[in-house]
Amino acid sequence: MSEKIIIISGATACGKSQLALDFAELRSAAIINADSLQIYQGLPILSAQPSKSEMAKNAHYLYSHLKAGENCSVGIWLGLVKDLVKKVLSENKIPLIVGGSGMYISKLIDGISKMPEVSLENHQKAQELYEEIGHQNFQEKFGEGKLIDKQRLLRACEIMLESGKPISFWQNQVPEKIFPDAEFIHVNLDINREKLYQNCDLRFNKMLKNGALEEVQNFLKLHPQNNWQIAKTLGFAEISLFLENKISHEEMQKIATQKTRNYAKRQLTFFRNQFAKKLSFSEPNQALEFLKNL
């Protein structure tokens, strides 16, 4: 008998978390985070994590799981999910994977090429080399002719230091499926773009009302350096600039909501062009009706 794993994917602010909560109220399910920023501690409001009262209703995993400065990758996330899914299934619950990080979901379904474990020593060496030679030289050395961001460049450097082989060598190996016998039911929320943009604006305003400014202020007091992965949380840069009196409150809102819209648009495009076996729904209530009948 195959394992049944439900995935709920979609762009930011499309209603994934609420759909997961609604389904978990009807069926015995455990919600597992598939968002690369919600996995971190420190910015639960700004990263749109479920509230404490929402999480108290059902089992939630991998929200605020890592410390702000810790490293996360697709491989690390998959290792955590593998153990959690086994635990959830052993409790006769449905694993409900929820998030908008398309690469996480893609590798969960299709598998991932095995990469060597990187030692702390080589992780630190990569960081030091990046600081020493700068982004441009680092790009030429480890980018393999592609323009990629700092985080991926660091990962490529770590793998080279650890194995003596470029990251492309490992990526070209036959992917190893995490759940070879699983039946994935992939529900994708593909809501109207204008509605999505409205949601993006409303959500950022709600975050501000719920204390996002104070959250970022407290975070920066504890962690003055903001070059970690968590600093990519939407709105973080703009709120930081506002707190430093470098932009007005109005500019902060305008830039942050526009960046959120741009990110949501990229996510929409990604999900529409990937995952041949996904089931797309334009309304969360339609998706819930489908899930109810599983």
C-alpha atoms as a PDB file:
ATOM      1  CA  MET A   1       0.000   0.000   0.000  1.00  0.00           C
ATOM      2  CA  SER A   2       1.511   3.348  -1.042  1.00  0.00           C
ATOM      3  CA  GLU A   3       1.980   6.266   1.324  1.00  0.00           C
ATOM      4  CA  LYS A   4      -0.387   9.168   0.652  1.00  0.00           C
ATOM      5  CA  ILE A   5       1.246  12.612   0.917  1.00  0.00           C
ATOM      6  CA  ILE A   6      -0.746  15.785   0.215  1.00  0.00           C
ATOM      7  CA  ILE A   7       1.011  18.909  -1.042  1.00  0.00           C
ATOM      8  CA  ILE A   8      -0.596  22.368  -1.040  1.00  0.00           C
ATOM      9  CA  SER A   9       1.409  24.832  -3.122  1.00  0.00           C
ATOM     10  CA  GLY A  10       0.959  28.281  -4.602  1.00  0.00           C
ATOM     11  CA  ALA A  11       2.170  31.861  -4.581  1.00  0.00           C
ATOM     12  CA  THR A  12       2.542  33.939  -1.441  1.00  0.00           C
ATOM     13  CA  ALA A  13      -0.790  35.248  -0.051  1.00  0.00           C
ATOM     14  CA  CYS A  14      -2.922  32.839  -2.094  1.00  0.00           C
ATOM     15  CA  GLY A  15      -4.490  31.128   0.943  1.00  0.00           C
ATOM     16  CA  LYS A  16      -2.362  27.977   1.336  1.00  0.00           C
ATOM     17  CA  SER A  17      -2.078  28.101   5.123  1.00  0.00           C
ATOM     18  CA  GLN A  18      -5.796  28.654   5.665  1.00  0.00           C
ATOM     19  CA  LEU A  19      -6.632  25.806   3.292  1.00  0.00           C
ATOM     20  CA  ALA A  20      -4.292  23.526   5.235  1.00  0.00           C
ATOM     21  CA  LEU A  21      -5.893  24.544   8.545  1.00  0.00           C
ATOM     22  CA  ASP A  22      -9.401  23.993   7.151  1.00  0.00           C
ATOM     23  CA  PHE A  23      -8.499  20.531   5.862  1.00  0.00           C
ATOM     24  CA  ALA A  24      -6.718  19.559   9.086  1.00  0.00           C
ATOM     25  CA  GLU A  25      -9.903  20.388  11.028  1.00  0.00           C
ATOM     26  CA  LEU A  26     -11.805  17.838   8.936  1.00  0.00           C
ATOM     27  CA  ARG A  27      -9.224  15.068   8.737  1.00  0.00           C
ATOM     28  CA  SER A  28      -6.414  13.846  10.964  1.00  0.00           C
ATOM     29  CA  ALA A  29      -3.474  15.638   9.353  1.00  0.00           C
ATOM     30  CA  ALA A  30      -0.137  17.131  10.378  1.00  0.00           C
ATOM     31  CA  ILE A  31       1.033  20.299   8.621  1.00  0.00           C
ATOM     32  CA  ILE A  32       4.673  20.385   7.478  1.00  0.00           C
ATOM     33  CA  ASN A  33       6.197  23.641   6.288  1.00  0.00           C
ATOM     34  CA  ALA A  34       7.639  23.881   2.755  1.00  0.00           C
ATOM     35  CA  ASP A  35       8.663  27.536   2.860  1.00  0.00           C
ATOM     36  CA  SER A  36      12.394  28.295   2.917  1.00  0.00           C
ATOM     37  CA  LEU A  37      11.968  31.360   5.176  1.00  0.00           C
ATOM     38  CA  GLN A  38       9.209  30.227   7.542  1.00  0.00           C
ATOM     39  CA  ILE A  39      11.641  27.531   8.700  1.00  0.00           C
ATOM     40  CA  TYR A  40      13.611  30.215  10.583  1.00  0.00           C
ATOM     41  CA  GLN A  41      13.067  31.667  14.050  1.00  0.00           C
ATOM     42  CA  GLY A  42      12.927  35.402  14.584  1.00  0.00           C
ATOM     43  CA  LEU A  43      10.393  36.790  12.111  1.00  0.00           C
ATOM     44  CA  PRO A  44       7.175  34.765  12.485  1.00  0.00           C
ATOM     45  CA  ILE A  45       4.877  37.711  11.680  1.00  0.00           C
ATOM     46  CA  LEU A  46       6.833  38.976   8.684  1.00  0.00           C
ATOM     47  CA  SER A  47       7.336  35.503   7.211  1.00  0.00           C
ATOM     48  CA  ALA A  48       3.559  34.842   7.577  1.00  0.00           C
ATOM     49  CA  GLN A  49       3.867  31.791   9.802  1.00  0.00           C
ATOM     50  CA  PRO A  50       0.649  30.429  11.314  1.00  0.00           C
ATOM     51  CA  SER A  51      -0.143  32.033  14.671  1.00  0.00           C
ATOM     52  CA  LYS A  52       0.424  30.206  17.952  1.00  0.00           C
ATOM     53  CA  SER A  53      -3.337  29.712  18.356  1.00  0.00           C
ATOM     54  CA  GLU A  54      -3.586  28.241  14.831  1.00  0.00           C
ATOM     55  CA  MET A  55      -0.648  25.917  15.458  1.00  0.00           C
ATOM     56  CA  ALA A  56      -2.186  24.782  18.723  1.00  0.00           C
ATOM     57  CA  LYS A  57      -5.174  23.311  16.843  1.00  0.00           C
ATOM     58  CA  ASN A  58      -3.124  20.784  14.860  1.00  0.00           C
ATOM     59  CA  ALA A  59       0.385  19.413  14.701  1.00  0.00           C
ATOM     60  CA  HIS A  60       2.683  21.825  12.818  1.00  0.00           C
ATOM     61  CA  TYR A  61       6.297  21.083  11.947  1.00  0.00           C
ATOM     62  CA  LEU A  62       9.305  23.019  10.595  1.00  0.00           C
ATOM     63  CA  TYR A  63       7.988  26.463  11.481  1.00  0.00           C
ATOM     64  CA  SER A  64      10.626  28.496  13.403  1.00  0.00           C
ATOM     65  CA  HIS A  65      12.662  25.303  13.381  1.00  0.00           C
ATOM     66  CA  LEU A  66      16.120  26.758  12.675  1.00  0.00           C
ATOM     67  CA  LYS A  67      17.985  29.610  14.342  1.00  0.00           C
ATOM     68  CA  ALA A  68      18.356  32.769  12.254  1.00  0.00           C
ATOM     69  CA  GLY A  69      22.008  32.196  11.321  1.00  0.00           C
ATOM     70  CA  GLU A  70      21.740  28.483  10.553  1.00  0.00           C
ATOM     71  CA  ASN A  71      22.140  27.178   7.035  1.00  0.00           C
ATOM     72  CA  CYS A  72      19.274  25.556   5.179  1.00  0.00           C
ATOM     73  CA  SER A  73      19.177  23.927   1.765  1.00  0.00           C
ATOM     74  CA  VAL A  74      16.838  21.704  -0.205  1.00  0.00           C
ATOM     75  CA  GLY A  75      18.849  18.692   0.974  1.00  0.00           C
ATOM     76  CA  ILE A  76      18.632  19.673   4.658  1.00  0.00           C
ATOM     77  CA  TRP A  77      14.896  20.307   4.358  1.00  0.00           C
ATOM     78  CA  LEU A  78      14.294  16.970   2.622  1.00  0.00           C
ATOM     79  CA  GLY A  79      16.166  15.136   5.384  1.00  0.00           C
ATOM     80  CA  LEU A  80      13.920  16.749   7.993  1.00  0.00           C
ATOM     81  CA  VAL A  81      10.769  16.032   5.975  1.00  0.00           C
ATOM     82  CA  LYS A  82      11.717  12.392   5.426  1.00  0.00           C
ATOM     83  CA  ASP A  83      11.818  11.748   9.178  1.00  0.00           C
ATOM     84  CA  LEU A  84       8.673  13.779   9.848  1.00  0.00           C
ATOM     85  CA  VAL A  85       6.567  12.056   7.196  1.00  0.00           C
ATOM     86  CA  LYS A  86       7.505   8.663   8.661  1.00  0.00           C
ATOM     87  CA  LYS A  87       6.516   9.899  12.135  1.00  0.00           C
ATOM     88  CA  VAL A  88       3.203  11.350  10.908  1.00  0.00           C
ATOM     89  CA  LEU A  89       2.290   8.187   8.987  1.00  0.00           C
ATOM     90  CA  SER A  90       3.136   6.033  12.019  1.00  0.00           C
ATOM     91  CA  GLU A  91       0.553   8.084  13.952  1.00  0.00           C
ATOM     92  CA  ASN A  92      -2.051   7.327  11.252  1.00  0.00           C
ATOM     93  CA  LYS A  93      -2.189  10.975  10.197  1.00  0.00           C
ATOM     94  CA  ILE A  94      -1.985  12.483   6.724  1.00  0.00           C
ATOM     95  CA  PRO A  95       1.248  14.393   5.989  1.00  0.00           C
ATOM     96  CA  LEU A  96       0.227  17.791   4.613  1.00  0.00           C
ATOM     97  CA  ILE A  97       3.173  19.616   3.010  1.00  0.00           C
ATOM     98  CA  VAL A  98       2.369  23.326   2.667  1.00  0.00           C
ATOM     99  CA  GLY A  99       4.436  26.096   1.102  1.00  0.00           C
ATOM    100  CA  GLY A 100       5.520  28.201  -1.824  1.00  0.00           C
ATOM    101  CA  SER A 101       9.160  27.192  -2.221  1.00  0.00           C
ATOM    102  CA  GLY A 102       8.867  25.513  -5.611  1.00  0.00           C
ATOM    103  CA  MET A 103      12.321  23.920  -5.583  1.00  0.00           C
ATOM    104  CA  TYR A 104      11.611  22.202  -2.256  1.00  0.00           C
ATOM    105  CA  ILE A 105       8.382  20.746  -3.609  1.00  0.00           C
ATOM    106  CA  SER A 106       9.948  19.756  -6.930  1.00  0.00           C
ATOM    107  CA  LYS A 107      12.746  17.794  -5.249  1.00  0.00           C
ATOM    108  CA  LEU A 108      10.312  16.234  -2.776  1.00  0.00           C
ATOM    109  CA  ILE A 109       8.343  14.747  -5.685  1.00  0.00           C
ATOM    110  CA  ASP A 110      11.109  14.028  -8.210  1.00  0.00           C
ATOM    111  CA  GLY A 111      14.043  13.285  -5.923  1.00  0.00           C
ATOM    112  CA  ILE A 112      17.429  14.929  -5.543  1.00  0.00           C
ATOM    113  CA  SER A 113      20.957  14.139  -6.654  1.00  0.00           C
ATOM    114  CA  LYS A 114      22.988  12.999  -3.670  1.00  0.00           C
ATOM    115  CA  MET A 115      25.398  15.670  -2.444  1.00  0.00           C
ATOM    116  CA  PRO A 116      28.292  15.175  -0.029  1.00  0.00           C
ATOM    117  CA  GLU A 117      27.777  16.331   3.557  1.00  0.00           C
ATOM    118  CA  VAL A 118      29.622  19.609   4.068  1.00  0.00           C
ATOM    119  CA  SER A 119      31.761  19.965   7.196  1.00  0.00           C
ATOM    120  CA  LEU A 120      31.517  23.063   9.387  1.00  0.00           C
ATOM    121  CA  GLU A 121      35.156  23.767   8.504  1.00  0.00           C
ATOM    122  CA  ASN A 122      34.429  23.934   4.753  1.00  0.00           C
ATOM    123  CA  HIS A 123      31.234  25.913   5.375  1.00  0.00           C
ATOM    124  CA  GLN A 124      33.320  28.543   7.183  1.00  0.00           C
ATOM    125  CA  LYS A 125      36.079  28.415   4.554  1.00  0.00           C
ATOM    126  CA  ALA A 126      33.569  29.198   1.808  1.00  0.00           C
ATOM    127  CA  GLN A 127      32.256  32.198   3.764  1.00  0.00           C
ATOM    128  CA  GLU A 128      35.783  33.496   4.390  1.00  0.00           C
ATOM    129  CA  LEU A 129      36.801  33.082   0.739  1.00  0.00           C
ATOM    130  CA  TYR A 130      33.696  34.965  -0.407  1.00  0.00           C
ATOM    131  CA  GLU A 131      34.541  37.886   1.886  1.00  0.00           C
ATOM    132  CA  GLU A 132      38.182  37.789   0.779  1.00  0.00           C
ATOM    133  CA  ILE A 133      37.789  37.777  -3.030  1.00  0.00           C
ATOM    134  CA  GLY A 134      34.359  39.427  -3.465  1.00  0.00           C
ATOM    135  CA  HIS A 135      31.235  38.446  -5.368  1.00  0.00           C
ATOM    136  CA  GLN A 136      32.524  38.947  -8.917  1.00  0.00           C
ATOM    137  CA  ASN A 137      35.633  36.769  -8.479  1.00  0.00           C
ATOM    138  CA  PHE A 138      33.611  34.203  -6.529  1.00  0.00           C
ATOM    139  CA  GLN A 139      31.076  34.112  -9.393  1.00  0.00           C
ATOM    140  CA  GLU A 140      33.826  33.489 -11.960  1.00  0.00           C
ATOM    141  CA  LYS A 141      35.387  30.764  -9.823  1.00  0.00           C
ATOM    142  CA  PHE A 142      32.282  28.821  -8.783  1.00  0.00           C
ATOM    143  CA  GLY A 143      29.405  30.016 -10.984  1.00  0.00           C
ATOM    144  CA  GLU A 144      30.231  27.659 -13.899  1.00  0.00           C
ATOM    145  CA  GLY A 145      29.275  30.373 -16.368  1.00  0.00           C
ATOM    146  CA  LYS A 146      25.876  31.083 -14.771  1.00  0.00           C
ATOM    147  CA  LEU A 147      24.741  34.178 -12.894  1.00  0.00           C
ATOM    148  CA  ILE A 148      23.536  32.831  -9.550  1.00  0.00           C
ATOM    149  CA  ASP A 149      22.967  34.375  -6.128  1.00  0.00           C
ATOM    150  CA  LYS A 150      25.356  34.427  -3.205  1.00  0.00           C
ATOM    151  CA  GLN A 151      23.723  31.515  -1.359  1.00  0.00           C
ATOM    152  CA  ARG A 152      24.016  29.147  -4.325  1.00  0.00           C
ATOM    153  CA  LEU A 153      27.580  30.264  -5.031  1.00  0.00           C
ATOM    154  CA  LEU A 154      28.533  29.509  -1.435  1.00  0.00           C
ATOM    155  CA  ARG A 155      26.905  26.089  -1.766  1.00  0.00           C
ATOM    156  CA  ALA A 156      28.889  25.402  -4.972  1.00  0.00           C
ATOM    157  CA  CYS A 157      32.106  26.412  -3.218  1.00  0.00           C
ATOM    158  CA  GLU A 158      31.355  24.212  -0.183  1.00  0.00           C
ATOM    159  CA  ILE A 159      30.732  21.186  -2.400  1.00  0.00           C
ATOM    160  CA  MET A 160      33.970  21.793  -4.343  1.00  0.00           C
ATOM    161  CA  LEU A 161      35.972  22.135  -1.117  1.00  0.00           C
ATOM    162  CA  GLU A 162      34.377  19.004   0.338  1.00  0.00           C
ATOM    163  CA  SER A 163      34.563  16.693  -2.681  1.00  0.00           C
ATOM    164  CA  GLY A 164      37.037  18.196  -5.130  1.00  0.00           C
ATOM    165  CA  LYS A 165      34.285  18.020  -7.782  1.00  0.00           C
ATOM    166  CA  PRO A 166      32.069  20.850  -9.108  1.00  0.00           C
ATOM    167  CA  ILE A 167      28.461  20.975  -7.950  1.00  0.00           C
ATOM    168  CA  SER A 168      27.309  20.217 -11.538  1.00  0.00           C
ATOM    169  CA  PHE A 169      28.934  16.763 -11.262  1.00  0.00           C
ATOM    170  CA  TRP A 170      26.672  15.934  -8.317  1.00  0.00           C
ATOM    171  CA  GLN A 171      23.611  17.567  -9.863  1.00  0.00           C
ATOM    172  CA  ASN A 172      23.974  15.369 -12.946  1.00  0.00           C
ATOM    173  CA  GLN A 173      23.765  12.147 -10.936  1.00  0.00           C
ATOM    174  CA  VAL A 174      20.505  10.180 -11.156  1.00  0.00           C
ATOM    175  CA  PRO A 175      18.086  11.737  -8.626  1.00  0.00           C
ATOM    176  CA  GLU A 176      17.324   9.651  -5.562  1.00  0.00           C
ATOM    177  CA  LYS A 177      13.627   9.711  -4.678  1.00  0.00           C
ATOM    178  CA  ILE A 178      12.887  10.522  -1.063  1.00  0.00           C
ATOM    179  CA  PHE A 179       9.579   8.608  -1.070  1.00  0.00           C
ATOM    180  CA  PRO A 180       9.796   6.147  -3.989  1.00  0.00           C
ATOM    181  CA  ASP A 181       6.510   4.436  -3.102  1.00  0.00           C
ATOM    182  CA  ALA A 182       4.499   7.542  -2.190  1.00  0.00           C
ATOM    183  CA  GLU A 183       1.300   8.701  -3.841  1.00  0.00           C
ATOM    184  CA  PHE A 184       1.585  12.479  -4.066  1.00  0.00           C
ATOM    185  CA  ILE A 185      -1.623  14.486  -4.288  1.00  0.00           C
ATOM    186  CA  HIS A 186      -0.473  17.938  -5.329  1.00  0.00           C
ATOM    187  CA  VAL A 187      -3.065  20.685  -4.938  1.00  0.00           C
ATOM    188  CA  ASN A 188      -1.987  24.036  -6.382  1.00  0.00           C
ATOM    189  CA  LEU A 189      -3.827  27.296  -5.666  1.00  0.00           C
ATOM    190  CA  ASP A 190      -3.727  29.322  -8.884  1.00  0.00           C
ATOM    191  CA  ILE A 191      -5.911  32.283  -7.972  1.00  0.00           C
ATOM    192  CA  ASN A 192      -6.703  35.323 -10.114  1.00  0.00           C
ATOM    193  CA  ARG A 193      -3.651  37.595 -10.379  1.00  0.00           C
ATOM    194  CA  GLU A 194      -5.476  40.802  -9.408  1.00  0.00           C
ATOM    195  CA  LYS A 195      -6.977  39.067  -6.369  1.00  0.00           C
ATOM    196  CA  LEU A 196      -3.507  37.792  -5.474  1.00  0.00           C
ATOM    197  CA  TYR A 197      -2.045  41.299  -5.680  1.00  0.00           C
ATOM    198  CA  GLN A 198      -4.823  42.630  -3.437  1.00  0.00           C
ATOM    199  CA  ASN A 199      -4.036  39.865  -0.955  1.00  0.00           C
ATOM    200  CA  CYS A 200      -0.340  40.836  -1.021  1.00  0.00           C
ATOM    201  CA  ASP A 201      -1.185  44.454  -0.134  1.00  0.00           C
ATOM    202  CA  LEU A 202      -3.671  43.486   2.571  1.00  0.00           C
ATOM    203  CA  ARG A 203      -1.305  40.974   4.102  1.00  0.00           C
ATOM    204  CA  PHE A 204       1.580  43.423   4.489  1.00  0.00           C
ATOM    205  CA  ASN A 205      -0.745  45.984   6.100  1.00  0.00           C
ATOM    206  CA  LYS A 206      -2.020  43.299   8.461  1.00  0.00           C
ATOM    207  CA  MET A 207       1.564  42.348   9.361  1.00  0.00           C
ATOM    208  CA  LEU A 208       2.307  45.970  10.269  1.00  0.00           C
ATOM    209  CA  LYS A 209      -0.807  46.082  12.485  1.00  0.00           C
ATOM    210  CA  ASN A 210       0.233  42.802  14.123  1.00  0.00           C
ATOM    211  CA  GLY A 211       3.658  44.116  15.123  1.00  0.00           C
ATOM    212  CA  ALA A 212       6.028  43.520  12.193  1.00  0.00           C
ATOM    213  CA  LEU A 213       7.919  46.786  12.854  1.00  0.00           C
ATOM    214  CA  GLU A 214       8.615  45.828  16.468  1.00  0.00           C
ATOM    215  CA  GLU A 215       9.519  42.295  15.374  1.00  0.00           C
ATOM    216  CA  VAL A 216      12.185  43.531  12.941  1.00  0.00           C
ATOM    217  CA  GLN A 217      13.442  46.084  15.471  1.00  0.00           C
ATOM    218  CA  ASN A 218      13.897  43.369  18.110  1.00  0.00           C
ATOM    219  CA  PHE A 219      15.480  41.036  15.567  1.00  0.00           C
ATOM    220  CA  LEU A 220      18.062  43.651  14.549  1.00  0.00           C
ATOM    221  CA  LYS A 221      18.936  44.315  18.199  1.00  0.00           C
ATOM    222  CA  LEU A 222      19.719  40.636  18.674  1.00  0.00           C
ATOM    223  CA  HIS A 223      21.265  40.141  15.219  1.00  0.00           C
ATOM    224  CA  PRO A 224      22.850  43.372  13.910  1.00  0.00           C
ATOM    225  CA  GLN A 225      24.227  41.495  10.896  1.00  0.00           C
ATOM    226  CA  ASN A 226      21.493  40.910   8.307  1.00  0.00           C
ATOM    227  CA  ASN A 227      23.270  39.023   5.560  1.00  0.00           C
ATOM    228  CA  TRP A 228      21.717  35.695   6.511  1.00  0.00           C
ATOM    229  CA  GLN A 229      19.117  33.836   4.498  1.00  0.00           C
ATOM    230  CA  ILE A 230      16.345  35.069   6.809  1.00  0.00           C
ATOM    231  CA  ALA A 231      17.078  38.646   5.667  1.00  0.00           C
ATOM    232  CA  LYS A 232      15.410  37.708   2.342  1.00  0.00           C
ATOM    233  CA  THR A 233      12.034  37.669   4.116  1.00  0.00           C
ATOM    234  CA  LEU A 234       9.734  39.984   2.158  1.00  0.00           C
ATOM    235  CA  GLY A 235       9.532  43.402   3.784  1.00  0.00           C
ATOM    236  CA  PHE A 236      12.612  42.946   5.992  1.00  0.00           C
ATOM    237  CA  ALA A 237      14.874  45.258   3.969  1.00  0.00           C
ATOM    238  CA  GLU A 238      12.253  47.985   3.668  1.00  0.00           C
ATOM    239  CA  ILE A 239      11.319  47.918   7.362  1.00  0.00           C
ATOM    240  CA  SER A 240      15.029  48.013   8.255  1.00  0.00           C
ATOM    241  CA  LEU A 241      15.513  51.114   6.078  1.00  0.00           C
ATOM    242  CA  PHE A 242      12.462  52.753   7.671  1.00  0.00           C
ATOM    243  CA  LEU A 243      13.788  52.036  11.165  1.00  0.00           C
ATOM    244  CA  GLU A 244      17.071  53.689  10.148  1.00  0.00           C
ATOM    245  CA  ASN A 245      15.095  56.769   8.967  1.00  0.00           C
ATOM    246  CA  LYS A 246      16.335  56.226   5.400  1.00  0.00           C
ATOM    247  CA  ILE A 247      12.861  55.955   3.846  1.00  0.00           C
ATOM    248  CA  SER A 248       9.399  57.131   4.907  1.00  0.00           C
ATOM    249  CA  HIS A 249       6.623  54.873   6.198  1.00  0.00           C
ATOM    250  CA  GLU A 250       4.772  55.380   2.923  1.00  0.00           C
ATOM    251  CA  GLU A 251       7.849  54.443   0.854  1.00  0.00           C
ATOM    252  CA  MET A 252       8.388  51.372   3.023  1.00  0.00           C
ATOM    253  CA  GLN A 253       4.856  50.146   2.380  1.00  0.00           C
ATOM    254  CA  LYS A 254       4.962  50.948  -1.327  1.00  0.00           C
ATOM    255  CA  ILE A 255       8.302  49.204  -1.992  1.00  0.00           C
ATOM    256  CA  ALA A 256       7.560  46.185   0.219  1.00  0.00           C
ATOM    257  CA  THR A 257       4.124  45.534  -1.322  1.00  0.00           C
ATOM    258  CA  GLN A 258       5.519  45.921  -4.853  1.00  0.00           C
ATOM    259  CA  LYS A 259       8.321  43.452  -4.105  1.00  0.00           C
ATOM    260  CA  THR A 260       5.746  41.056  -2.654  1.00  0.00           C
ATOM    261  CA  ARG A 261       3.650  41.334  -5.832  1.00  0.00           C
ATOM    262  CA  ASN A 262       6.736  40.744  -8.003  1.00  0.00           C
ATOM    263  CA  TYR A 263       7.657  37.667  -5.993  1.00  0.00           C
ATOM    264  CA  ALA A 264       4.105  36.321  -6.161  1.00  0.00           C
ATOM    265  CA  LYS A 265       4.113  36.820  -9.940  1.00  0.00           C
ATOM    266  CA  ARG A 266       7.356  34.810 -10.273  1.00  0.00           C
ATOM    267  CA  GLN A 267       5.867  32.046  -8.126  1.00  0.00           C
ATOM    268  CA  LEU A 268       2.698  31.960 -10.251  1.00  0.00           C
ATOM    269  CA  THR A 269       4.783  31.588 -13.404  1.00  0.00           C
ATOM    270  CA  PHE A 270       6.915  28.846 -11.849  1.00  0.00           C
ATOM    271  CA  PHE A 271       3.993  26.758 -10.624  1.00  0.00           C
ATOM    272  CA  ARG A 272       2.048  27.172 -13.866  1.00  0.00           C
ATOM    273  CA  ASN A 273       4.980  25.844 -15.891  1.00  0.00           C
ATOM    274  CA  GLN A 274       6.027  22.995 -13.587  1.00  0.00           C
ATOM    275  CA  PHE A 275       4.484  19.866 -12.071  1.00  0.00           C
ATOM    276  CA  ALA A 276       2.605  18.052 -14.822  1.00  0.00           C
ATOM    277  CA  LYS A 277       0.549  16.075 -12.290  1.00  0.00           C
ATOM    278  CA  LYS A 278      -0.597  18.967 -10.097  1.00  0.00           C
ATOM    279  CA  LEU A 279      -4.303  19.732  -9.636  1.00  0.00           C
ATOM    280  CA  SER A 280      -4.907  23.486  -9.963  1.00  0.00           C
ATOM    281  CA  PHE A 281      -7.780  25.348  -8.308  1.00  0.00           C
ATOM    282  CA  SER A 282      -8.693  29.007  -8.726  1.00  0.00           C
ATOM    283  CA  GLU A 283     -10.480  29.161  -5.355  1.00  0.00           C
ATOM    284  CA  PRO A 284      -9.389  27.684  -1.989  1.00  0.00           C
ATOM    285  CA  ASN A 285     -12.949  26.447  -1.289  1.00  0.00           C
ATOM    286  CA  GLN A 286     -12.876  24.398  -4.522  1.00  0.00           C
ATOM    287  CA  ALA A 287      -9.612  22.824  -3.390  1.00  0.00           C
ATOM    288  CA  LEU A 288     -11.096  22.069   0.029  1.00  0.00           C
ATOM    289  CA  GLU A 289     -14.110  20.327  -1.550  1.00  0.00           C
ATOM    290  CA  PHE A 290     -11.730  18.167  -3.562  1.00  0.00           C
ATOM    291  CA  LEU A 291      -9.576  17.304  -0.532  1.00  0.00           C
ATOM    292  CA  LYS A 292     -12.645  16.458   1.573  1.00  0.00           C
ATOM    293  CA  ASN A 293     -13.506  13.652  -0.837  1.00  0.00           C
ATOM    294  CA  LEU A 294     -10.122  11.937  -0.803  1.00  0.00           C
END
